[in-house]
Amino acid sequence: MARERIRWPLVVERARQIVDGYAPLKVTLRQVMYRLAAEGVLPHTPPMYRWLSAQLAQARGRAASPT
């Protein structure tokens, strides 16, 4: 079975929607990962969890930096 390439901008956007859906409650990275895996957006593996963490950290950094 061929692996489909992860489209990180779409994953980050979906993660943002998930987090926004919990407002005003806080959500953990693990909760976001479980939701993305349940939706079939990402495979549920430790390496993918680490990649998601890195991608969301980058996205937070971009959002916090002035343009």
C-alpha atoms as a PDB file:
ATOM      1  CA  MET A   1       0.000   0.000   0.000  1.00  0.00           C
ATOM      2  CA  ALA A   2       1.439   3.352  -1.023  1.00  0.00           C
ATOM      3  CA  ARG A   3       1.666   5.993   1.670  1.00  0.00           C
ATOM      4  CA  GLU A   4       0.027   9.291   0.912  1.00  0.00           C
ATOM      5  CA  ARG A   5       2.133  12.371   1.538  1.00  0.00           C
ATOM      6  CA  ILE A   6       1.023  14.391   4.562  1.00  0.00           C
ATOM      7  CA  ARG A   7      -0.178  17.867   3.628  1.00  0.00           C
ATOM      8  CA  TRP A   8       0.926  19.670   6.778  1.00  0.00           C
ATOM      9  CA  PRO A   9      -0.762  23.032   6.101  1.00  0.00           C
ATOM     10  CA  LEU A  10      -4.100  21.175   5.920  1.00  0.00           C
ATOM     11  CA  VAL A  11      -3.315  19.152   9.045  1.00  0.00           C
ATOM     12  CA  VAL A  12      -2.356  22.317  10.954  1.00  0.00           C
ATOM     13  CA  GLU A  13      -5.577  24.012   9.839  1.00  0.00           C
ATOM     14  CA  ARG A  14      -7.674  21.022  10.938  1.00  0.00           C
ATOM     15  CA  ALA A  15      -5.824  20.981  14.274  1.00  0.00           C
ATOM     16  CA  ARG A  16      -6.643  24.682  14.682  1.00  0.00           C
ATOM     17  CA  GLN A  17     -10.323  23.913  14.050  1.00  0.00           C
ATOM     18  CA  ILE A  18     -10.241  21.132  16.649  1.00  0.00           C
ATOM     19  CA  VAL A  19      -8.646  23.414  19.242  1.00  0.00           C
ATOM     20  CA  ASP A  20     -11.118  26.195  18.474  1.00  0.00           C
ATOM     21  CA  GLY A  21     -13.965  23.711  18.886  1.00  0.00           C
ATOM     22  CA  TYR A  22     -12.949  23.105  22.498  1.00  0.00           C
ATOM     23  CA  ALA A  23     -12.946  26.820  23.404  1.00  0.00           C
ATOM     24  CA  PRO A  24     -13.041  28.076  26.073  1.00  0.00           C
ATOM     25  CA  LEU A  25     -11.633  24.776  27.359  1.00  0.00           C
ATOM     26  CA  LYS A  26      -7.995  23.890  26.823  1.00  0.00           C
ATOM     27  CA  VAL A  27      -6.966  20.915  24.708  1.00  0.00           C
ATOM     28  CA  THR A  28      -3.804  18.821  24.779  1.00  0.00           C
ATOM     29  CA  LEU A  29      -1.632  17.767  21.891  1.00  0.00           C
ATOM     30  CA  ARG A  30      -2.615  14.165  22.660  1.00  0.00           C
ATOM     31  CA  GLN A  31      -6.316  15.027  22.307  1.00  0.00           C
ATOM     32  CA  VAL A  32      -5.665  16.704  18.964  1.00  0.00           C
ATOM     33  CA  MET A  33      -3.636  13.705  17.795  1.00  0.00           C
ATOM     34  CA  TYR A  34      -6.410  11.275  18.750  1.00  0.00           C
ATOM     35  CA  ARG A  35      -8.990  13.356  16.890  1.00  0.00           C
ATOM     36  CA  LEU A  36      -6.818  13.594  13.773  1.00  0.00           C
ATOM     37  CA  ALA A  37      -6.120   9.856  13.865  1.00  0.00           C
ATOM     38  CA  ALA A  38      -9.816   9.039  14.368  1.00  0.00           C
ATOM     39  CA  GLU A  39     -10.676  11.200  11.348  1.00  0.00           C
ATOM     40  CA  GLY A  40      -8.031   9.440   9.260  1.00  0.00           C
ATOM     41  CA  VAL A  41      -6.023  12.623   8.785  1.00  0.00           C
ATOM     42  CA  LEU A  42      -2.865  11.140  10.347  1.00  0.00           C
ATOM     43  CA  PRO A  43      -1.775   7.617  11.202  1.00  0.00           C
ATOM     44  CA  HIS A  44      -1.639   6.968  14.937  1.00  0.00           C
ATOM     45  CA  THR A  45       2.070   6.290  15.424  1.00  0.00           C
ATOM     46  CA  PRO A  46       4.713   7.708  17.788  1.00  0.00           C
ATOM     47  CA  PRO A  47       6.743   9.233  14.919  1.00  0.00           C
ATOM     48  CA  MET A  48       3.637  10.969  13.570  1.00  0.00           C
ATOM     49  CA  TYR A  49       2.866  12.315  17.068  1.00  0.00           C
ATOM     50  CA  ARG A  50       6.359  13.850  17.179  1.00  0.00           C
ATOM     51  CA  TRP A  51       5.924  15.321  13.682  1.00  0.00           C
ATOM     52  CA  LEU A  52       2.567  16.798  14.673  1.00  0.00           C
ATOM     53  CA  SER A  53       4.162  18.333  17.757  1.00  0.00           C
ATOM     54  CA  ALA A  54       6.917  19.912  15.665  1.00  0.00           C
ATOM     55  CA  GLN A  55       4.513  21.193  13.004  1.00  0.00           C
ATOM     56  CA  LEU A  56       2.150  22.750  15.544  1.00  0.00           C
ATOM     57  CA  ALA A  57       5.078  24.354  17.391  1.00  0.00           C
ATOM     58  CA  GLN A  58       6.191  25.918  14.099  1.00  0.00           C
ATOM     59  CA  ALA A  59       2.659  27.131  13.418  1.00  0.00           C
ATOM     60  CA  ARG A  60       2.443  28.703  16.883  1.00  0.00           C
ATOM     61  CA  GLY A  61       5.760  30.432  16.260  1.00  0.00           C
ATOM     62  CA  ARG A  62       4.561  31.821  12.946  1.00  0.00           C
ATOM     63  CA  ALA A  63       1.313  33.009  14.531  1.00  0.00           C
ATOM     64  CA  ALA A  64       3.151  34.751  17.375  1.00  0.00           C
ATOM     65  CA  SER A  65       5.736  36.539  15.233  1.00  0.00           C
ATOM     66  CA  PRO A  66       4.887  40.026  13.977  1.00  0.00           C
ATOM     67  CA  THR A  67       4.506  40.432  10.226  1.00  0.00           C
END
